[in-house]
Every structure is written in C-alpha cells, then in structure tokens.
Amino acid sequence: EVDSLLSELSNQTSEVHGKRTYYKGRLFNSVDVVIVFSRWGKVAAAATTAILIERYNCQEIIFTGVAGGVHHGLNVGDVVVADRLVQHDMNATPIFKRFEIPLLGVTEFSTSDCRREQLIKAANTFVSDGAGLSIMTTNEQRQKFHIANPKVVTGLAASGDKFFASKEDLDQLRNDLPECYCVEMEGAAVAQVCQEHDIPFSIVRVISDSADDSAHVDFQEFVKEIATVYSHGILELALTAALSIAFRKHEDERLPGVSEYHSEVSQSLLDA
C-alpha cells in the first residue's frame, strides 16, 4: 500500500529509524505528510506511532490497512471506518476490568469525529458504482475476490496480537465484544499512543476475509490488487476534499493561503 501512495508523493525525502523508512513529502499536491509501514502487531505499531509524533511532530495520524470481518453481514471488500477501538487481548483482571487499559481508566479509544465523517464520505464515493473502485480495478479482479456491492460501515474495531483462523475463536470474540465489526492487529495500539499525546487519529480498514476458517482469500494478492487501491482512492478523496474545505474556510476568514495552512498541519499515514 505504501508504494502506491509514494507514487503520489512530491518533494519526497526519506529517513530510516528503527528499521522503518519514513517518507516525507506532499501527498496528492494537497497536504504535507509522513508515510510509513508500521509493521505488524501492537508493539510495532505503537513504536512507529511514537516516532511519528516525537521525531516528526505529526499532528494527526491516519491508519489504513486490512482487517478480518467479525460483524455478521460484512463481506470481502467492505470498508470499516472505526469510531472506537479496543484491545481485545487486554486482560488485567481482577485488578482492572476486562479490556481496561491500566492507569488510563478506559476500555475504548474514540477516533476523530471530523476526519471520520470525511473518510466515510470518501469511502462511500469510492465504492459507489462508476467511481474509484470500478475504475481502478477490473471486473476480473473484483470477481476473483468476490467483491460485489461493497458497503461502508462505522463501529468498533478490535486489535490484538492474534490471528483469528478458527470459527471457535471468532465466536468467542463475538461473545466478548458483541458490537465489534472487525479485528486486526495494530489500530488500538496506535489509538492509545495518540490519546496519550493528545493527537487525533483515524482508522480505515478494508475487509479481506471473514476472520475465521471459512475464509479462502489469498492475503498477499488481496493486499497487492485490492487493499492498495482502496487506501489510495479513499485517502485521495478524503484529503483533497479536506483541502477544498480548508481553502473555502480561509477565503471566508481572509486567512493566509491554503499552502501555508497545510504546512502547519503535518499528517502521518500509517499502513499495516
């Protein structure tokens, strides 16, 4: 997914920290960003997020990637724009209640309201007939992965250092977190680091499988042919729309130009 975004990154520079390459530049000629592959798992994602905040002074985090569907009715190709995240493997009972983060006193982390609405709108536009998905992929690719009439939902996403490969494990997760829409391995860790630094964050996940043993999608092929296209298309629609809104705001308030405005708000785009 990173490579697709890098093709749209102008004024590009890169640095290596902690065995990750961080790319700086202007994305879609709209906003200054730092792009990085977080690697897999909560620890890797948290470490990457901390570097983005402390070393690059990023003022917002947008995390894209794939997830397994948990909520009944979700299909391959559907999009989850999370409104809350929980660490499903956090269990410090009996000292703390199940899923509560010690010392923070919370079980869930909420995403940015404003950016979430922009991402939902962008995702709906992207998957609609005749729009980005149908333009950026072929009929053969969509049929290959059984993508038909994809939808966009918002709700709870669960994160943990576990790959769900059995129906029994998935049923247990549904029982423990009945409001959960999808499961992945990084988002809630990113969310915790962002909350502790007062940084707004957003999480966008495309469903790659049903998160149980009924899933038979080639993961690597799905990421290369489908997930990469989703991340690229949704982010382009969301960020360029935000640029337009910021421009109109500055015109109305007679503030400095939009380029100056965006140079003050460095964003980070994480991928896993």
Protein backbone atom coordinates (compact mmCIF):
# COMPACT_ATOMS: atom_id res chain seq x y z
CA GLU A 1 0.00 0.00 0.00
CA VAL A 2 2.88 2.35 0.77
CA ASP A 3 4.31 2.13 -2.76
CA SER A 4 1.06 3.31 -4.31
CA LEU A 5 0.97 6.39 -2.08
CA LEU A 6 4.64 7.12 -2.69
CA SER A 7 3.90 7.44 -6.40
CA GLU A 8 1.77 10.49 -5.49
CA LEU A 9 4.27 12.00 -3.03
CA SER A 10 6.10 15.07 -4.34
CA ASN A 11 9.17 16.71 -2.78
CA GLN A 12 9.96 13.30 -1.37
CA THR A 13 12.67 12.64 1.21
CA SER A 14 13.22 9.60 3.40
CA GLU A 15 14.90 8.60 6.66
CA VAL A 16 15.35 5.27 8.42
CA HIS A 17 14.55 4.94 12.12
CA GLY A 18 14.09 1.67 13.98
CA LYS A 19 14.38 -0.35 10.74
CA ARG A 20 11.46 1.54 9.17
CA THR A 21 11.67 4.00 6.30
CA TYR A 22 9.75 7.24 6.88
CA TYR A 23 8.87 9.18 3.72
CA LYS A 24 8.16 12.90 3.89
CA GLY A 25 6.55 14.99 1.16
CA ARG A 26 3.35 16.49 -0.21
CA LEU A 27 0.65 13.94 -1.00
CA PHE A 28 -1.79 14.46 -3.88
CA ASN A 29 -0.47 18.05 -4.06
CA SER A 30 -2.69 18.65 -1.03
CA VAL A 31 -1.04 18.11 2.33
CA ASP A 32 2.36 17.56 3.88
CA VAL A 33 2.63 14.03 5.25
CA VAL A 34 4.90 11.34 6.60
CA ILE A 35 4.21 7.85 5.20
CA VAL A 36 5.49 4.67 6.82
CA PHE A 37 4.77 0.95 7.01
CA SER A 38 4.15 0.28 10.68
CA ARG A 39 4.92 -3.46 10.52
CA TRP A 40 2.56 -5.95 12.13
CA GLY A 41 1.38 -6.18 15.71
CA LYS A 42 0.63 -3.78 18.54
CA VAL A 43 4.20 -3.20 19.72
CA ALA A 44 5.46 -2.44 16.20
CA ALA A 45 2.57 -0.07 15.52
CA ALA A 46 2.96 1.72 18.85
CA ALA A 47 6.71 2.19 18.32
CA THR A 48 6.14 3.60 14.84
CA THR A 49 3.43 5.97 16.09
CA ALA A 50 5.67 7.28 18.88
CA ILE A 51 8.41 8.12 16.38
CA LEU A 52 5.94 9.91 14.11
CA ILE A 53 4.76 12.07 16.99
CA GLU A 54 8.05 12.71 18.77
CA ARG A 55 10.51 12.94 15.85
CA TYR A 56 8.27 14.29 13.09
CA ASN A 57 5.83 16.32 15.20
CA CYS A 58 2.85 14.86 13.32
CA GLN A 59 -0.41 16.47 14.39
CA GLU A 60 -2.73 13.75 13.07
CA ILE A 61 -2.49 10.01 12.35
CA ILE A 62 -4.47 8.17 9.65
CA PHE A 63 -4.02 4.40 9.70
CA THR A 64 -5.07 2.24 6.74
CA GLY A 65 -4.91 -1.48 6.10
CA VAL A 66 -6.92 -4.69 6.09
CA ALA A 67 -8.98 -6.49 8.72
CA GLY A 68 -10.99 -9.63 9.24
CA GLY A 69 -14.74 -9.23 9.34
CA VAL A 70 -16.42 -10.01 12.67
CA HIS A 71 -19.88 -8.48 12.35
CA HIS A 72 -22.35 -10.71 10.55
CA GLY A 73 -23.11 -9.29 7.12
CA LEU A 74 -19.65 -7.92 6.39
CA ASN A 75 -18.11 -9.20 3.18
CA VAL A 76 -14.75 -9.05 1.44
CA GLY A 77 -14.30 -5.54 0.03
CA ASP A 78 -16.47 -3.78 2.62
CA VAL A 79 -14.90 -0.83 4.47
CA VAL A 80 -14.87 -0.21 8.21
CA VAL A 81 -14.14 3.35 9.32
CA ALA A 82 -13.71 2.78 13.04
CA ASP A 83 -15.36 5.09 15.53
CA ARG A 84 -13.87 3.25 18.53
CA LEU A 85 -11.05 0.78 19.13
CA VAL A 86 -10.45 -1.80 21.84
CA GLN A 87 -7.55 -4.11 22.66
CA HIS A 88 -9.28 -7.49 22.70
CA ASP A 89 -6.29 -9.21 24.34
CA MET A 90 -6.02 -6.73 27.24
CA ASN A 91 -6.98 -8.58 30.42
CA ALA A 92 -5.59 -7.30 33.72
CA THR A 93 -8.41 -8.76 35.81
CA PRO A 94 -9.06 -8.83 38.71
CA ILE A 95 -7.05 -5.63 39.25
CA PHE A 96 -8.82 -3.90 36.38
CA LYS A 97 -11.97 -4.80 34.48
CA ARG A 98 -11.69 -6.71 31.23
CA PHE A 99 -10.30 -4.64 28.31
CA GLU A 100 -9.45 -1.66 30.56
CA ILE A 101 -6.05 -0.08 29.88
CA PRO A 102 -4.21 0.13 33.23
CA LEU A 103 -3.71 3.68 34.51
CA LEU A 104 -5.77 5.21 31.69
CA GLY A 105 -9.14 4.05 33.02
CA VAL A 106 -10.62 3.45 29.56
CA THR A 107 -11.57 0.35 27.59
CA GLU A 108 -12.07 2.07 24.23
CA PHE A 109 -10.43 4.85 22.24
CA SER A 110 -12.54 7.14 20.05
CA THR A 111 -11.40 8.34 16.64
CA SER A 112 -11.52 11.90 15.31
CA ASP A 113 -15.15 12.89 14.65
CA CYS A 114 -14.39 15.38 11.87
CA ARG A 115 -11.94 13.21 9.95
CA ARG A 116 -14.10 10.13 10.40
CA GLU A 117 -17.01 11.81 8.61
CA GLN A 118 -14.69 12.83 5.76
CA LEU A 119 -13.37 9.29 5.45
CA ILE A 120 -16.85 7.76 5.50
CA LYS A 121 -17.94 10.10 2.74
CA ALA A 122 -14.80 9.40 0.72
CA ALA A 123 -15.17 5.62 1.15
CA ASN A 124 -18.82 5.70 0.08
CA THR A 125 -17.87 7.67 -3.01
CA PHE A 126 -15.01 5.29 -3.77
CA VAL A 127 -17.09 2.09 -3.66
CA SER A 128 -20.15 3.52 -5.45
CA ASP A 129 -20.98 2.38 -8.99
CA GLY A 130 -18.86 4.01 -11.67
CA ALA A 131 -16.49 5.57 -9.13
CA GLY A 132 -12.96 4.81 -7.94
CA LEU A 133 -13.17 1.09 -7.26
CA SER A 134 -14.68 0.22 -10.62
CA ILE A 135 -12.17 2.45 -12.38
CA MET A 136 -9.04 1.35 -10.50
CA THR A 137 -9.80 -2.40 -10.59
CA THR A 138 -11.03 -4.76 -13.28
CA ASN A 139 -14.17 -6.90 -13.28
CA GLU A 140 -11.91 -9.95 -13.18
CA GLN A 141 -10.16 -8.71 -10.04
CA ARG A 142 -13.43 -7.97 -8.24
CA GLN A 143 -14.84 -11.36 -9.22
CA LYS A 144 -11.63 -13.09 -8.13
CA PHE A 145 -12.09 -11.78 -4.60
CA HIS A 146 -15.91 -11.99 -4.61
CA ILE A 147 -16.35 -8.22 -4.26
CA ALA A 148 -19.89 -7.18 -5.13
CA ASN A 149 -21.75 -4.08 -3.95
CA PRO A 150 -19.28 -3.22 -1.18
CA LYS A 151 -20.57 -1.10 1.67
CA VAL A 152 -19.09 1.28 4.24
CA VAL A 153 -19.83 0.94 7.95
CA THR A 154 -18.60 2.59 11.12
CA GLY A 155 -18.27 0.97 14.51
CA LEU A 156 -15.98 -0.78 16.96
CA ALA A 157 -12.71 -2.32 15.76
CA ALA A 158 -10.76 -4.76 17.92
CA SER A 159 -6.97 -5.12 17.93
CA GLY A 160 -4.68 -7.73 19.38
CA ASP A 161 -1.61 -9.86 18.78
CA LYS A 162 -3.57 -12.80 17.46
CA PHE A 163 -4.54 -14.04 14.01
CA PHE A 164 -8.08 -15.45 14.04
CA ALA A 165 -8.10 -18.63 11.99
CA SER A 166 -10.92 -20.65 13.55
CA LYS A 167 -14.66 -20.26 13.90
CA GLU A 168 -14.42 -21.07 17.62
CA ASP A 169 -12.04 -18.18 18.31
CA LEU A 170 -14.16 -15.82 16.24
CA ASP A 171 -17.35 -16.86 18.06
CA GLN A 172 -15.60 -16.18 21.38
CA LEU A 173 -14.61 -12.70 20.19
CA ARG A 174 -18.18 -12.01 19.12
CA ASN A 175 -19.37 -13.12 22.54
CA ASP A 176 -16.80 -10.96 24.35
CA LEU A 177 -17.33 -7.91 22.11
CA PRO A 178 -20.79 -8.14 20.54
CA GLU A 179 -20.51 -4.65 19.00
CA CYS A 180 -17.25 -5.45 17.19
CA TYR A 181 -17.20 -5.01 13.40
CA CYS A 182 -13.69 -6.13 12.53
CA VAL A 183 -10.47 -7.44 14.03
CA GLU A 184 -6.86 -6.54 13.23
CA MET A 185 -3.51 -6.30 14.97
CA GLU A 186 -2.49 -2.63 15.30
CA GLY A 187 -5.22 0.01 15.42
CA ALA A 188 -5.94 0.17 19.16
CA ALA A 189 -2.23 0.40 19.94
CA VAL A 190 -1.93 3.38 17.60
CA ALA A 191 -5.02 4.82 19.28
CA GLN A 192 -3.54 4.50 22.77
CA VAL A 193 -0.31 6.27 21.84
CA CYS A 194 -2.27 9.03 20.09
CA GLN A 195 -4.56 9.54 23.08
CA GLU A 196 -1.64 9.78 25.47
CA HIS A 197 -0.15 12.51 23.25
CA ASP A 198 -3.46 14.27 22.51
CA ILE A 199 -3.15 13.53 18.79
CA PRO A 200 -6.32 12.94 16.70
CA PHE A 201 -6.33 9.69 14.78
CA SER A 202 -8.43 7.75 12.28
CA ILE A 203 -8.54 4.09 11.27
CA VAL A 204 -9.75 2.78 7.88
CA ARG A 205 -9.84 -0.97 7.22
CA VAL A 206 -10.93 -2.94 4.17
CA ILE A 207 -12.31 -6.39 4.90
CA SER A 208 -10.03 -9.07 3.43
CA ASP A 209 -11.73 -12.16 4.88
CA SER A 210 -14.32 -13.32 7.38
CA ALA A 211 -11.69 -13.78 10.12
CA ASP A 212 -12.47 -17.47 10.53
CA ASP A 213 -11.69 -20.76 8.83
CA SER A 214 -14.31 -20.17 6.11
CA ALA A 215 -12.05 -17.53 4.53
CA HIS A 216 -10.10 -18.59 1.45
CA VAL A 217 -8.69 -15.34 0.11
CA ASP A 218 -5.04 -15.15 -0.89
CA PHE A 219 -3.95 -12.44 1.55
CA GLN A 220 -0.88 -11.22 -0.31
CA GLU A 221 -2.73 -10.99 -3.61
CA PHE A 222 -5.62 -9.18 -1.94
CA VAL A 223 -3.30 -6.57 -0.45
CA LYS A 224 -1.49 -6.04 -3.76
CA GLU A 225 -4.52 -5.94 -6.05
CA ILE A 226 -7.32 -4.61 -3.84
CA ALA A 227 -6.31 -3.13 -0.47
CA THR A 228 -3.68 -0.90 -2.08
CA VAL A 229 -6.32 0.53 -4.42
CA TYR A 230 -8.77 1.15 -1.56
CA SER A 231 -6.23 3.02 0.58
CA HIS A 232 -5.06 5.14 -2.34
CA GLY A 233 -8.54 6.01 -3.58
CA ILE A 234 -10.14 6.73 -0.20
CA LEU A 235 -7.25 8.86 1.04
CA GLU A 236 -7.11 10.86 -2.17
CA LEU A 237 -10.82 11.63 -1.99
CA ALA A 238 -10.70 12.48 1.72
CA LEU A 239 -7.56 14.63 1.72
CA THR A 240 -8.37 16.59 -1.43
CA ALA A 241 -11.89 17.23 -0.11
CA ALA A 242 -10.40 18.49 3.15
CA LEU A 243 -8.10 20.79 1.18
CA SER A 244 -11.11 22.26 -0.60
CA ILE A 245 -12.90 22.84 2.71
CA ALA A 246 -9.81 24.47 4.22
CA PHE A 247 -9.44 26.71 1.17
CA ARG A 248 -13.05 27.89 1.42
CA LYS A 249 -12.59 28.48 5.14
CA HIS A 250 -9.54 30.65 4.52
CA GLU A 251 -11.31 32.56 1.77
CA ASP A 252 -14.20 33.28 4.13
CA GLU A 253 -11.97 34.30 7.03
CA ARG A 254 -9.37 36.11 4.88
CA LEU A 255 -6.60 33.96 6.37
CA PRO A 256 -3.29 33.04 4.68
CA GLY A 257 -3.31 30.77 1.65
CA VAL A 258 -4.06 27.10 1.81
CA SER A 259 -0.45 26.06 1.21
CA GLU A 260 0.61 27.94 4.32
CA TYR A 261 -2.26 26.42 6.27
CA HIS A 262 -1.33 22.87 5.38
CA SER A 263 2.36 23.38 6.07
CA GLU A 264 1.35 23.87 9.70
CA VAL A 265 -0.53 20.57 9.94
CA SER A 266 1.77 17.66 9.24
CA GLN A 267 -0.09 14.37 8.99
CA SER A 268 1.05 10.81 9.18
CA LEU A 269 -0.23 7.96 7.07
CA LEU A 270 0.40 4.58 8.67
CA ASP A 271 -0.06 1.34 6.80
CA ALA A 272 -0.19 -2.23 8.01
